[in-house]
Structures are given as C-alpha cells and as structure tokens.
Amino acid sequence: MSKPELLRKLSDLETLPLDDRAYWLALSLVLEPGQPQIAVQASNFVWNVEDIELVEQELLSSSQGCAISDDAIETLNREDFDVPVRFGFQVASRDIADVKTLDELARSEELPYVISSVFLSGKQTDRPAQLRALGVASVDRERFLTFVSSLTSLSGEPELEDTELDLIGSTRPLLPMMRQFVPNSDTMKILDRLMDRHFVERVMASSMKLLDNQTLSDVVDDESTVVKRMAVYQVVESFDLSHSIPSILPQLLDALKIAARPAVTPTSDEEIPRLKIVDLYRLDESELTFEQTLFALHKLDTFRCRSSVIRFANRIVQFEATDEQMDGIELGYACLVKAADTPELIMENLDRTRQWYQRHDKNYSMPLLAAAIRLVGLGDIPRVWEIIQETSSTYRNDPEVMSTVHQLLVQLGIMNPDGSVRSNAAPPVANFEAGMETAATSAASGLWTPDAPQPSQPGTGGKLWIWRCLTLSDHVAGLTEIHWQDIRRVVRYEVIHFI
C-alpha cells in the first residue's frame, strides 16, 4: 500500500477528530504524484486550419484578448512545444478594448482575466496547420467556446482531449499580458482585486475526481463530504498565495460551509519545532520569545511562506537584542527585503534595514543585493541600477562584494565576464561606467576588477549567498511574464508542504 493510500485509510477513521481526518486526507492528496484527486478537469482543443494568415489576423483584430509576445513564444518553442508555434493569443474573460492603460484598468468594475491561450502552428509534413487551445479549465469552457464561435476563419469540429490542471494554477486569475502594466503598488492592488473577486468562485466551480467529478459548489450541502471539503481547504491554505489577501481564506471557509481553525498559541519551546507548516500560518507571534520567533521565522523562510515571513520578521526586529541575538535581527531585516512584493515596499524595507545596519556599523551589502535581485524580478530597472551604484560606491574597496556584484551583472546579462558592458544591456553605459568604475581600473589600485579577481575568503559565503538568492522564485502574483530586456521570468506555482 502506498503512502497516499495509507493516509487516505487513516482519514476514514471516524474515531478521529474531523480536523485530523481532514489533515491526513489533505496530506494524501498532495503526496500522490500529480495530485490527480484534486486536479481540475480541463480540455485541449485542436482545429485544423486552412488559411493560417486569416486566423492570425482575425485573432489580432479581436479585442477580447492580446497577442503573446514573440519572446515568450520563442521560450515556449524552446522549452515546451514539440511542434513550433508561430503565433499565440491570450483569450480574456471579456473585451479589453477599454483597459489600455493602468488608470482605465483600475477604474474598471469588471477586471478581465485569462481564460485560455491559443497557439497557431504552421503546416507540417504529417499534418495541416493547426490552432491549439491547451488546458481550458471546465469553469472557463463555455466562455471560451463562445469566443471561438465568433471566429469566422475557423470551421469544423475540433479534436477534443481531456486533461487535468493543478488546482491553484488553474483557479488563480491572471491578467492578460499587457506590457505597459509595470508591477508597482498600483498594479498589485489591481491583481489583489482580481484575486479577491474570482479566486474562491473558481475554486468552488472546479470539478475534481475527489468529488466524483463534481464541483465543490455541488457538494457543499452534503454532510458526507465535510472531510473532503475541509481537506481541500487545507490544501489551498498550504499555498502562500491564499494568504496574500486577508479576505481569501474567510471567503473560502464561508463558501465551503466549514469552521475556521483556531490560532495556534504554543505553551512551551518544544511545541514550535513540532508544528506543521500550515500550523505556522496560524501561529500567534505576539507572545513568543525571541528564540521562538527566530525558529519560526527560519522555518517559514525555508518554505517561502511570504505573508507569514513578513509578519514574523516585523516581530523579530522589534526585540531589544543582545550581541548574541544580532544574527536573528539581521535575518529579520533580510526577510523583510526579500519578501516584499512591490518596488515601493522593497525600497521602504531596505531603508529601514540600511538605518539599522548603519546604527550598528555593519556591512549592509547583502541586503542591498537582495533588494536588487527582488527588483530584477519585478522589472524595476531604475531602482535596480540605483542599488547597484550605491553598492559599488560604498563597497568599491571590498573585493568580496565587488566580485558578487560582477557575478550578478554577468548573470543578468548586463555585463560580459571580462567586465565590458553588453551592447544590448538595459542600463546606460555612461551610468555603468560611473557607478562601477571597475572595468577600466587597474588591479594595482587595490580595487577588484574582472581581469584581476581575488578569490573569496573561507567562510565568507558571499558567492554562495548570491547564487542562493538567484535560485529563489521571485515573481509578481498574477503576471504571466515580466519584461526587462533579456530577462524573462515565468510565473510558477509552488506548493508549501505540509510536513
């Protein structure tokens, strides 16, 4: 018997409390490869196309969506598609002709979101040209087919294939790719509105095998499904996304007709290490000691529980720390920078961090670079460059820091390994030369240069630290693509494990 099957048997024991049964069932659902029991039912559609140019032009002229960028198509062809795609189009939930600017989008009463993406590929030796729609969720199917029926360039019935989508990825509403919408605080407010309005309704309207291909709305009044409804709630609760907006989980509890679980208040140090990640989300930090708060913050940061990381980081920096506890305070400030989700909040938290480091006469290059990496993920070019210049100016005599800055710039495609600037790099060359001053500086000056590198000293960990940061999945919730010259970040969804 597999572990998921064993856990499912355990969840059937009626002698256990309902909450425990729901936990064991939820754990079995996320541990099963592919999570088929809670996968959302979906369909792939394929139409044979006679006039590929006509189909492309009709999609381009449609105001119910927008074309996928050439760069994104190139990436998909390289990484995901066996048959090359020449054109892609995101179908929106409604006409988007009235939301060409951020202000127009902010004033919109009904925010648009993506219901499907369609891809046009040319004729191959073994098949005609085709238009493919991949992974149309059951909740979006009727609206998508209504859009397709309006296309006069398509004829005939499509080939239909059943498929499945992951629960969070398919129910999270995404804005269509609109390049002019930069990820600032105003954009994030719009994305929050989109989540607040549509996420729970999409979860409730999704059919899944766990419910015998019914939706949660279909079974919400069936008392025999209470454990399953509680389990689905715990799965959703285990994603940090669900905590990003305070109203999401209360909405879901009401829709599922189940009670909220109480806050977790540990009575001893021994309790915190035994807490599950989902319990840490409900942990009341207000009465915790410094050591308890630090342990919880370490665990939350490891699993990237962003919303709770911010809460615990804000708590730990309020302590009057001893010399032995300074590392914990540094972690708190680093987490505040790393977990911020808008450029404005990153800079605000960086300013708080800088002030604390300067008061204690500490090197703050690592928080600076952490902020730069977060801003790269958000596509804020001016602020990234501002931080790089500050780091270079402040720590130009520190070989370890300058080596890390150089590696970062090379990794981002701004600088060549020899220290020269790439001709297509985003920041202006003049600013680069003024800020870095390294490429044209002799090694004899005592400054670090790319052609006269100095190795990291044992134990400093600077390079290791920067590469760890670069592996983090920095993204903006709701945007399917971030543009910054050669940098492309594609949003991915990561489950926060239960144990």
Protein backbone atom coordinates (compact mmCIF):
# COMPACT_ATOMS: atom_id res chain seq x y z
CA MET A 1 0.00 0.00 0.00
CA SER A 2 1.40 3.39 -0.99
CA LYS A 3 1.80 6.24 1.48
CA PRO A 4 -1.10 8.25 -0.02
CA GLU A 5 -3.36 5.20 0.19
CA LEU A 6 -2.34 4.59 3.79
CA LEU A 7 -3.02 8.21 4.71
CA ARG A 8 -6.39 8.06 2.98
CA LYS A 9 -7.31 4.99 5.03
CA LEU A 10 -6.29 6.88 8.15
CA SER A 11 -8.56 9.76 7.18
CA ASP A 12 -11.51 7.35 7.04
CA LEU A 13 -11.28 6.55 10.77
CA GLU A 14 -14.41 8.08 12.24
CA THR A 15 -12.97 7.90 15.75
CA LEU A 16 -10.51 10.66 14.88
CA PRO A 17 -11.44 14.37 15.15
CA LEU A 18 -12.67 15.86 11.88
CA ASP A 19 -9.71 18.23 11.68
CA ASP A 20 -7.23 15.34 11.97
CA ARG A 21 -9.08 13.31 9.36
CA ALA A 22 -9.04 16.29 7.00
CA TYR A 23 -5.31 16.76 7.58
CA TRP A 24 -4.47 13.14 6.73
CA LEU A 25 -6.66 13.30 3.64
CA ALA A 26 -5.10 16.59 2.54
CA LEU A 27 -1.63 15.15 3.02
CA SER A 28 -2.53 12.12 0.92
CA LEU A 29 -3.80 14.42 -1.83
CA VAL A 30 -0.61 16.46 -2.13
CA LEU A 31 1.73 13.46 -1.79
CA GLU A 32 0.12 11.50 -4.60
CA PRO A 33 2.19 12.02 -7.79
CA GLY A 34 0.49 14.59 -10.00
CA GLN A 35 -2.18 15.20 -7.33
CA PRO A 36 -4.88 13.65 -9.59
CA GLN A 37 -7.63 13.66 -6.96
CA ILE A 38 -7.68 17.46 -6.72
CA ALA A 39 -6.62 18.21 -10.28
CA VAL A 40 -9.10 20.41 -12.12
CA GLN A 41 -10.81 18.80 -15.10
CA ALA A 42 -9.89 20.53 -18.36
CA SER A 43 -9.80 20.05 -22.14
CA ASN A 44 -7.43 20.56 -25.05
CA PHE A 45 -8.93 21.68 -28.37
CA VAL A 46 -7.27 21.35 -31.80
CA TRP A 47 -8.65 22.84 -35.02
CA ASN A 48 -7.19 22.15 -38.46
CA VAL A 49 -6.65 25.47 -40.24
CA GLU A 50 -6.87 26.12 -43.98
CA ASP A 51 -5.81 29.77 -44.06
CA ILE A 52 -3.31 30.37 -41.25
CA GLU A 53 -2.82 34.06 -42.13
CA LEU A 54 -6.55 34.71 -41.92
CA VAL A 55 -6.81 33.08 -38.48
CA GLU A 56 -3.86 35.07 -37.19
CA GLN A 57 -5.26 38.36 -38.48
CA GLU A 58 -8.69 37.65 -37.01
CA LEU A 59 -7.17 36.94 -33.60
CA LEU A 60 -5.04 40.07 -33.79
CA SER A 61 -8.09 42.16 -34.61
CA SER A 62 -10.06 40.73 -31.69
CA SER A 63 -10.41 42.97 -28.64
CA GLN A 64 -11.15 40.01 -26.36
CA GLY A 65 -7.53 39.34 -25.56
CA CYS A 66 -4.00 40.11 -26.71
CA ALA A 67 -1.12 38.54 -28.60
CA ILE A 68 1.57 36.67 -26.67
CA SER A 69 4.97 38.30 -27.12
CA ASP A 70 7.46 36.90 -29.62
CA ASP A 71 9.97 36.40 -26.81
CA ALA A 72 7.51 34.26 -24.87
CA ILE A 73 6.70 32.23 -27.99
CA GLU A 74 10.41 31.68 -28.56
CA THR A 75 10.80 30.43 -25.00
CA LEU A 76 7.81 28.10 -25.32
CA ASN A 77 9.14 26.70 -28.59
CA ARG A 78 12.49 26.07 -26.97
CA GLU A 79 11.23 24.52 -23.73
CA ASP A 80 7.67 23.23 -24.11
CA PHE A 81 6.45 22.67 -27.67
CA ASP A 82 7.44 19.81 -29.97
CA VAL A 83 5.74 21.47 -32.96
CA PRO A 84 6.96 25.07 -33.46
CA VAL A 85 4.38 27.77 -32.77
CA ARG A 86 4.35 30.92 -34.89
CA PHE A 87 1.69 32.90 -33.01
CA GLY A 88 0.00 32.89 -29.62
CA PHE A 89 -3.03 34.71 -28.25
CA GLN A 90 -4.47 35.05 -24.75
CA VAL A 91 -8.25 34.94 -24.65
CA ALA A 92 -9.65 37.23 -21.96
CA SER A 93 -12.84 36.83 -19.96
CA ARG A 94 -14.26 39.93 -21.63
CA ASP A 95 -13.50 42.63 -24.18
CA ILE A 96 -10.40 44.57 -23.09
CA ALA A 97 -10.60 47.50 -25.51
CA ASP A 98 -11.49 49.80 -22.60
CA VAL A 99 -8.44 48.95 -20.46
CA LYS A 100 -5.43 50.06 -22.46
CA THR A 101 -3.92 51.98 -19.54
CA LEU A 102 -3.38 51.26 -15.87
CA ASP A 103 -5.82 54.01 -14.86
CA GLU A 104 -8.51 52.55 -17.10
CA LEU A 105 -7.90 49.13 -15.62
CA ALA A 106 -8.07 50.48 -12.07
CA ARG A 107 -11.43 52.14 -12.80
CA SER A 108 -12.88 49.02 -14.40
CA GLU A 109 -15.71 47.41 -12.44
CA GLU A 110 -15.15 44.02 -14.08
CA LEU A 111 -11.47 43.19 -14.34
CA PRO A 112 -10.51 40.92 -17.25
CA TYR A 113 -8.59 37.69 -16.73
CA VAL A 114 -7.17 34.98 -18.99
CA ILE A 115 -9.50 32.06 -19.72
CA SER A 116 -7.23 30.31 -22.23
CA SER A 117 -4.23 30.66 -24.51
CA VAL A 118 -4.37 29.53 -28.14
CA PHE A 119 -1.38 28.73 -30.32
CA LEU A 120 -1.12 28.73 -34.10
CA SER A 121 1.38 26.40 -35.78
CA GLY A 122 2.19 26.04 -39.46
CA LYS A 123 1.73 23.07 -41.77
CA GLN A 124 3.97 20.06 -41.10
CA THR A 125 4.75 17.07 -43.31
CA ASP A 126 2.40 14.85 -41.31
CA ARG A 127 -0.43 17.28 -40.53
CA PRO A 128 -2.06 20.55 -41.62
CA ALA A 129 -1.71 23.92 -39.93
CA GLN A 130 -3.45 23.93 -36.55
CA LEU A 131 -4.87 26.16 -33.86
CA ARG A 132 -4.47 24.61 -30.40
CA ALA A 133 -6.07 25.63 -27.13
CA LEU A 134 -4.35 23.88 -24.24
CA GLY A 135 -5.77 23.30 -20.79
CA VAL A 136 -9.14 25.03 -20.93
CA ALA A 137 -10.49 24.56 -17.40
CA SER A 138 -14.05 23.32 -17.00
CA VAL A 139 -15.02 26.60 -15.33
CA ASP A 140 -13.89 28.54 -18.45
CA ARG A 141 -15.04 26.14 -21.15
CA GLU A 142 -18.39 27.70 -22.04
CA ARG A 143 -16.98 31.22 -22.23
CA PHE A 144 -14.03 30.03 -24.34
CA LEU A 145 -16.26 28.20 -26.83
CA THR A 146 -18.41 31.31 -27.16
CA PHE A 147 -15.30 33.26 -28.17
CA VAL A 148 -14.21 30.60 -30.66
CA SER A 149 -17.66 30.54 -32.26
CA SER A 150 -17.18 34.22 -33.14
CA LEU A 151 -14.14 33.43 -35.31
CA THR A 152 -15.29 33.12 -38.92
CA SER A 153 -11.89 31.81 -40.04
CA LEU A 154 -12.36 28.55 -38.12
CA SER A 155 -14.63 25.79 -39.35
CA GLY A 156 -15.38 22.23 -38.45
CA GLU A 157 -15.40 20.47 -35.11
CA PRO A 158 -12.18 20.44 -33.08
CA GLU A 159 -10.36 17.38 -31.85
CA LEU A 160 -11.03 17.14 -28.13
CA GLU A 161 -8.77 15.68 -25.45
CA ASP A 162 -9.46 15.52 -21.72
CA THR A 163 -6.67 16.72 -19.47
CA GLU A 164 -6.08 17.95 -15.92
CA LEU A 165 -4.67 21.12 -14.40
CA ASP A 166 -3.25 21.77 -10.95
CA LEU A 167 -5.75 23.27 -8.54
CA ILE A 168 -4.05 26.59 -7.74
CA GLY A 169 -2.58 27.21 -11.18
CA SER A 170 -5.95 26.86 -12.90
CA THR A 171 -8.08 28.76 -10.40
CA ARG A 172 -5.75 31.72 -9.88
CA PRO A 173 -6.99 34.51 -12.19
CA LEU A 174 -4.25 36.10 -14.30
CA LEU A 175 -4.22 39.42 -16.09
CA PRO A 176 -3.65 39.21 -19.85
CA MET A 177 -0.10 40.09 -20.90
CA MET A 178 -0.19 43.86 -21.07
CA ARG A 179 3.37 45.12 -21.29
CA GLN A 180 2.52 48.63 -20.20
CA PHE A 181 1.38 47.43 -16.78
CA VAL A 182 4.53 47.52 -14.67
CA PRO A 183 4.48 45.63 -11.32
CA ASN A 184 4.21 48.54 -8.91
CA SER A 185 1.93 49.00 -5.92
CA ASP A 186 -0.95 50.20 -8.13
CA THR A 187 -0.71 47.10 -10.30
CA MET A 188 -0.58 44.86 -7.23
CA LYS A 189 -3.79 46.45 -5.93
CA ILE A 190 -5.47 45.54 -9.21
CA LEU A 191 -4.16 41.97 -9.00
CA ASP A 192 -5.41 41.74 -5.42
CA ARG A 193 -8.86 42.88 -6.58
CA LEU A 194 -8.80 40.20 -9.27
CA MET A 195 -7.91 37.50 -6.75
CA ASP A 196 -10.43 38.76 -4.22
CA ARG A 197 -13.22 38.72 -6.80
CA HIS A 198 -12.59 35.49 -8.69
CA PHE A 199 -10.28 33.04 -6.89
CA VAL A 200 -12.80 31.49 -4.49
CA GLU A 201 -15.57 31.30 -7.08
CA ARG A 202 -13.19 29.50 -9.45
CA VAL A 203 -12.13 27.02 -6.76
CA MET A 204 -15.77 26.32 -5.94
CA ALA A 205 -16.69 25.85 -9.63
CA SER A 206 -13.85 23.41 -10.44
CA SER A 207 -14.73 19.73 -10.82
CA MET A 208 -12.33 17.13 -9.44
CA LYS A 209 -12.03 13.36 -9.03
CA LEU A 210 -12.07 13.63 -5.24
CA LEU A 211 -15.72 14.69 -5.56
CA ASP A 212 -16.62 12.15 -8.28
CA ASN A 213 -16.10 14.85 -10.92
CA GLN A 214 -18.50 17.21 -9.19
CA THR A 215 -17.65 20.73 -8.08
CA LEU A 216 -17.34 21.93 -4.51
CA SER A 217 -20.47 24.01 -5.06
CA ASP A 218 -22.33 20.81 -6.00
CA VAL A 219 -21.49 19.04 -2.71
CA VAL A 220 -21.34 21.93 -0.26
CA ASP A 221 -24.61 20.88 1.44
CA ASP A 222 -23.76 17.18 1.55
CA GLU A 223 -22.67 16.35 5.11
CA SER A 224 -20.90 13.21 3.93
CA THR A 225 -18.36 15.40 2.09
CA VAL A 226 -17.36 17.57 5.05
CA VAL A 227 -13.96 15.88 5.47
CA LYS A 228 -13.24 16.27 1.75
CA ARG A 229 -14.24 19.95 1.83
CA MET A 230 -12.02 20.52 4.87
CA ALA A 231 -9.15 18.71 3.13
CA VAL A 232 -9.45 20.87 0.01
CA TYR A 233 -9.43 23.94 2.25
CA GLN A 234 -6.24 22.75 3.97
CA VAL A 235 -4.59 22.15 0.58
CA VAL A 236 -5.46 25.69 -0.56
CA GLU A 237 -4.35 27.04 2.82
CA SER A 238 -0.94 25.42 2.32
CA PHE A 239 -0.22 27.73 -0.64
CA ASP A 240 1.25 31.07 0.34
CA LEU A 241 -0.85 32.66 -2.40
CA SER A 242 -4.00 32.11 -0.35
CA HIS A 243 -2.57 34.23 2.49
CA SER A 244 -1.58 37.16 0.27
CA ILE A 245 -5.05 38.72 0.57
CA PRO A 246 -6.70 38.61 4.03
CA SER A 247 -10.19 38.06 2.62
CA ILE A 248 -9.41 34.92 0.57
CA LEU A 249 -9.49 32.23 3.26
CA PRO A 250 -12.53 33.63 5.13
CA GLN A 251 -14.37 33.72 1.77
CA LEU A 252 -13.43 30.10 1.11
CA LEU A 253 -14.50 29.00 4.60
CA ASP A 254 -17.90 30.59 4.07
CA ALA A 255 -18.29 29.08 0.61
CA LEU A 256 -17.33 25.60 1.87
CA LYS A 257 -19.53 25.97 4.96
CA ILE A 258 -16.81 24.86 7.35
CA ALA A 259 -15.47 26.49 10.52
CA ALA A 260 -12.16 28.30 10.82
CA ARG A 261 -9.45 26.61 12.85
CA PRO A 262 -8.27 28.47 15.96
CA ALA A 263 -4.97 30.35 16.19
CA VAL A 264 -2.01 28.32 17.45
CA THR A 265 -0.61 29.51 20.78
CA PRO A 266 2.33 27.36 21.97
CA THR A 267 2.87 26.98 25.69
CA SER A 268 6.47 25.72 25.52
CA ASP A 269 9.59 25.86 23.32
CA GLU A 270 9.18 22.19 22.49
CA GLU A 271 5.90 22.76 20.67
CA ILE A 272 7.19 25.04 17.91
CA PRO A 273 9.61 22.56 16.23
CA ARG A 274 6.75 20.06 16.04
CA LEU A 275 4.36 22.46 14.32
CA LYS A 276 3.41 21.70 10.73
CA ILE A 277 3.92 24.43 8.14
CA VAL A 278 0.18 25.01 7.81
CA ASP A 279 0.03 25.48 11.58
CA LEU A 280 2.76 28.13 11.40
CA TYR A 281 0.42 30.21 9.28
CA ARG A 282 -1.95 30.29 12.27
CA LEU A 283 0.76 30.82 14.88
CA ASP A 284 0.19 33.86 17.09
CA GLU A 285 3.56 35.62 17.23
CA SER A 286 2.58 38.33 19.69
CA GLU A 287 3.57 36.41 22.85
CA LEU A 288 6.55 34.45 21.52
CA THR A 289 10.07 34.82 22.91
CA PHE A 290 12.96 35.92 20.70
CA GLU A 291 14.17 32.33 20.26
CA GLN A 292 10.69 31.05 19.44
CA THR A 293 10.13 33.82 16.91
CA LEU A 294 13.52 33.20 15.30
CA PHE A 295 12.90 29.46 14.98
CA ALA A 296 9.51 30.03 13.38
CA LEU A 297 10.96 32.67 11.02
CA HIS A 298 13.73 30.30 9.92
CA LYS A 299 11.17 27.60 9.15
CA LEU A 300 8.79 29.93 7.35
CA ASP A 301 11.64 31.44 5.30
CA THR A 302 12.86 27.98 4.33
CA PHE A 303 9.44 27.13 2.92
CA ARG A 304 8.98 30.64 1.49
CA CYS A 305 5.72 31.38 3.30
CA ARG A 306 5.89 35.03 2.31
CA SER A 307 2.94 36.51 4.16
CA SER A 308 3.90 34.89 7.47
CA VAL A 309 7.59 35.67 6.91
CA ILE A 310 6.70 39.37 6.80
CA ARG A 311 4.65 39.05 9.99
CA PHE A 312 7.39 37.26 11.94
CA ALA A 313 10.19 39.42 10.51
CA ASN A 314 8.39 42.56 11.65
CA ARG A 315 8.03 40.97 15.08
CA ILE A 316 11.67 39.92 15.48
CA VAL A 317 13.16 43.31 14.55
CA GLN A 318 11.17 44.85 17.40
CA PHE A 319 13.17 42.93 20.04
CA GLU A 320 15.94 44.63 22.01
CA ALA A 321 18.55 42.09 21.00
CA THR A 322 21.73 41.14 22.81
CA ASP A 323 25.03 40.83 20.92
CA GLU A 324 24.39 37.10 20.60
CA GLN A 325 21.00 37.75 19.01
CA MET A 326 22.16 40.21 16.34
CA ASP A 327 22.20 37.49 13.66
CA GLY A 328 18.49 36.96 14.26
CA ILE A 329 17.77 40.66 13.79
CA GLU A 330 19.79 40.63 10.54
CA LEU A 331 17.70 37.69 9.33
CA GLY A 332 14.55 39.63 10.11
CA TYR A 333 15.61 42.65 8.07
CA ALA A 334 16.83 40.43 5.22
CA CYS A 335 13.45 38.69 5.16
CA LEU A 336 11.59 41.99 5.05
CA VAL A 337 13.52 42.95 1.92
CA LYS A 338 13.26 39.54 0.29
CA ALA A 339 9.55 39.04 0.96
CA ALA A 340 8.34 42.48 -0.17
CA ASP A 341 6.15 42.21 -3.26
CA THR A 342 6.26 45.73 -4.74
CA PRO A 343 9.20 48.01 -5.60
CA GLU A 344 7.89 50.64 -3.19
CA LEU A 345 7.77 48.20 -0.27
CA ILE A 346 11.20 46.80 -1.14
CA MET A 347 12.72 50.28 -1.01
CA GLU A 348 10.86 51.13 2.20
CA ASN A 349 12.10 47.96 3.90
CA LEU A 350 15.60 48.47 2.50
CA ASP A 351 15.66 51.95 4.03
CA ARG A 352 14.69 50.51 7.43
CA THR A 353 17.38 47.85 7.02
CA ARG A 354 20.04 50.37 5.98
CA GLN A 355 19.34 52.55 9.01
CA TRP A 356 19.67 49.61 11.40
CA TYR A 357 22.92 48.38 9.81
CA GLN A 358 24.41 51.87 9.86
CA ARG A 359 23.45 52.39 13.53
CA HIS A 360 25.31 49.20 14.37
CA ASP A 361 28.22 49.90 12.00
CA LYS A 362 27.61 46.75 9.96
CA ASN A 363 28.26 45.90 6.31
CA TYR A 364 24.89 46.06 4.55
CA SER A 365 25.93 44.97 1.06
CA MET A 366 23.97 41.73 1.26
CA PRO A 367 20.60 43.44 1.92
CA LEU A 368 21.38 45.83 -0.95
CA LEU A 369 22.00 42.98 -3.36
CA ALA A 370 18.97 41.07 -2.08
CA ALA A 371 16.86 44.15 -2.87
CA ALA A 372 18.41 44.40 -6.34
CA ILE A 373 17.54 40.77 -7.08
CA ARG A 374 13.94 41.25 -5.95
CA LEU A 375 13.65 44.35 -8.11
CA VAL A 376 15.01 42.43 -11.09
CA GLY A 377 12.11 40.01 -10.68
CA LEU A 378 9.73 42.98 -10.67
CA GLY A 379 11.35 44.63 -13.68
CA ASP A 380 12.13 47.95 -11.95
CA ILE A 381 15.21 49.00 -13.95
CA PRO A 382 15.89 52.43 -12.39
CA ARG A 383 15.82 51.15 -8.82
CA VAL A 384 17.98 48.12 -9.66
CA TRP A 385 20.56 50.42 -11.16
CA GLU A 386 20.32 52.83 -8.22
CA ILE A 387 21.10 49.99 -5.78
CA ILE A 388 23.96 48.64 -7.90
CA GLN A 389 25.52 52.10 -7.99
CA GLU A 390 25.12 52.52 -4.21
CA THR A 391 26.69 49.11 -3.59
CA SER A 392 29.58 49.83 -5.96
CA SER A 393 30.22 53.27 -4.50
CA THR A 394 30.02 52.16 -0.85
CA TYR A 395 31.96 48.90 -1.14
CA ARG A 396 34.32 49.56 -4.08
CA ASN A 397 37.29 48.58 -1.90
CA ASP A 398 35.72 45.29 -0.80
CA PRO A 399 36.83 42.53 -3.23
CA GLU A 400 34.20 40.09 -1.98
CA VAL A 401 31.31 42.49 -2.53
CA MET A 402 32.56 43.69 -5.90
CA SER A 403 33.06 40.11 -7.05
CA THR A 404 29.46 39.38 -6.12
CA VAL A 405 28.21 42.49 -7.93
CA HIS A 406 30.16 41.46 -11.03
CA GLN A 407 28.70 37.95 -10.95
CA LEU A 408 25.22 39.38 -10.57
CA LEU A 409 25.64 41.70 -13.55
CA VAL A 410 27.02 38.86 -15.68
CA GLN A 411 24.15 36.59 -14.61
CA LEU A 412 21.62 39.26 -15.58
CA GLY A 413 23.21 39.75 -18.99
CA ILE A 414 24.22 43.37 -18.34
CA MET A 415 27.96 42.74 -18.25
CA ASN A 416 30.35 40.38 -20.00
CA PRO A 417 32.64 38.18 -17.89
CA ASP A 418 35.64 40.37 -18.86
CA GLY A 419 34.00 43.46 -17.34
CA SER A 420 32.84 45.10 -20.58
CA VAL A 421 29.24 46.22 -20.96
CA ARG A 422 26.95 44.28 -23.28
CA SER A 423 25.79 46.43 -26.16
CA ASN A 424 22.14 45.47 -25.57
CA ALA A 425 22.23 45.78 -21.78
CA ALA A 426 19.41 47.70 -20.13
CA PRO A 427 21.30 50.33 -18.07
CA PRO A 428 23.06 53.15 -19.97
CA VAL A 429 26.78 52.64 -20.49
CA ALA A 430 27.64 56.03 -19.03
CA ASN A 431 25.85 55.20 -15.79
CA PHE A 432 27.50 51.84 -15.69
CA GLU A 433 30.97 53.33 -16.02
CA ALA A 434 30.23 55.99 -13.42
CA GLY A 435 28.75 53.54 -10.98
CA MET A 436 31.09 50.58 -11.22
CA GLU A 437 34.46 52.13 -12.13
CA THR A 438 35.94 48.66 -12.25
CA ALA A 439 36.29 47.68 -15.88
CA ALA A 440 38.78 50.46 -16.64
CA THR A 441 40.55 50.43 -13.26
CA SER A 442 43.93 48.81 -12.84
CA ALA A 443 44.29 45.90 -10.44
CA ALA A 444 47.23 47.78 -8.93
CA SER A 445 44.82 50.33 -7.47
CA GLY A 446 43.68 47.79 -4.92
CA LEU A 447 40.15 47.61 -6.36
CA TRP A 448 38.63 44.41 -7.59
CA THR A 449 38.47 44.05 -11.38
CA PRO A 450 37.15 41.22 -13.56
CA ASP A 451 40.59 40.61 -15.07
CA ALA A 452 42.30 40.53 -11.68
CA PRO A 453 39.86 38.57 -9.49
CA GLN A 454 40.50 37.88 -5.84
CA PRO A 455 39.08 34.62 -4.52
CA SER A 456 36.54 34.57 -1.72
CA GLN A 457 37.99 34.01 1.72
CA PRO A 458 36.97 30.82 3.51
CA GLY A 459 33.77 31.25 5.47
CA THR A 460 32.62 34.48 3.87
CA GLY A 461 29.96 32.78 1.78
CA GLY A 462 29.29 35.81 -0.40
CA LYS A 463 29.15 33.97 -3.70
CA LEU A 464 27.14 31.12 -2.27
CA TRP A 465 24.70 33.63 -0.84
CA ILE A 466 24.14 35.47 -4.10
CA TRP A 467 23.53 32.29 -6.08
CA ARG A 468 21.09 31.03 -3.46
CA CYS A 469 19.16 34.27 -3.90
CA LEU A 470 19.17 33.89 -7.66
CA THR A 471 17.52 30.49 -7.38
CA LEU A 472 14.51 31.87 -5.49
CA SER A 473 11.31 32.02 -7.49
CA ASP A 474 10.90 35.80 -7.43
CA HIS A 475 7.75 36.71 -9.23
CA VAL A 476 4.77 39.02 -9.26
CA ALA A 477 1.49 37.34 -8.43
CA GLY A 478 -0.82 37.33 -11.42
CA LEU A 479 1.56 38.48 -14.15
CA THR A 480 2.35 35.73 -16.62
CA GLU A 481 5.53 37.37 -17.85
CA ILE A 482 7.94 40.03 -16.60
CA HIS A 483 9.88 42.02 -19.19
CA TRP A 484 13.30 43.53 -18.63
CA GLN A 485 15.36 43.46 -21.82
CA ASP A 486 16.90 39.96 -21.91
CA ILE A 487 15.48 38.90 -18.53
CA ARG A 488 12.37 36.76 -18.64
CA ARG A 489 10.67 35.42 -15.54
CA VAL A 490 7.78 32.96 -15.97
CA VAL A 491 5.47 32.52 -13.01
CA ARG A 492 5.41 29.08 -11.46
CA TYR A 493 3.28 27.75 -8.64
CA GLU A 494 4.98 26.04 -5.71
CA VAL A 495 3.23 24.05 -3.01
CA ILE A 496 4.22 24.66 0.58
CA HIS A 497 4.48 21.15 2.01
CA PHE A 498 2.50 20.05 4.98
CA ILE A 499 5.39 18.39 6.83
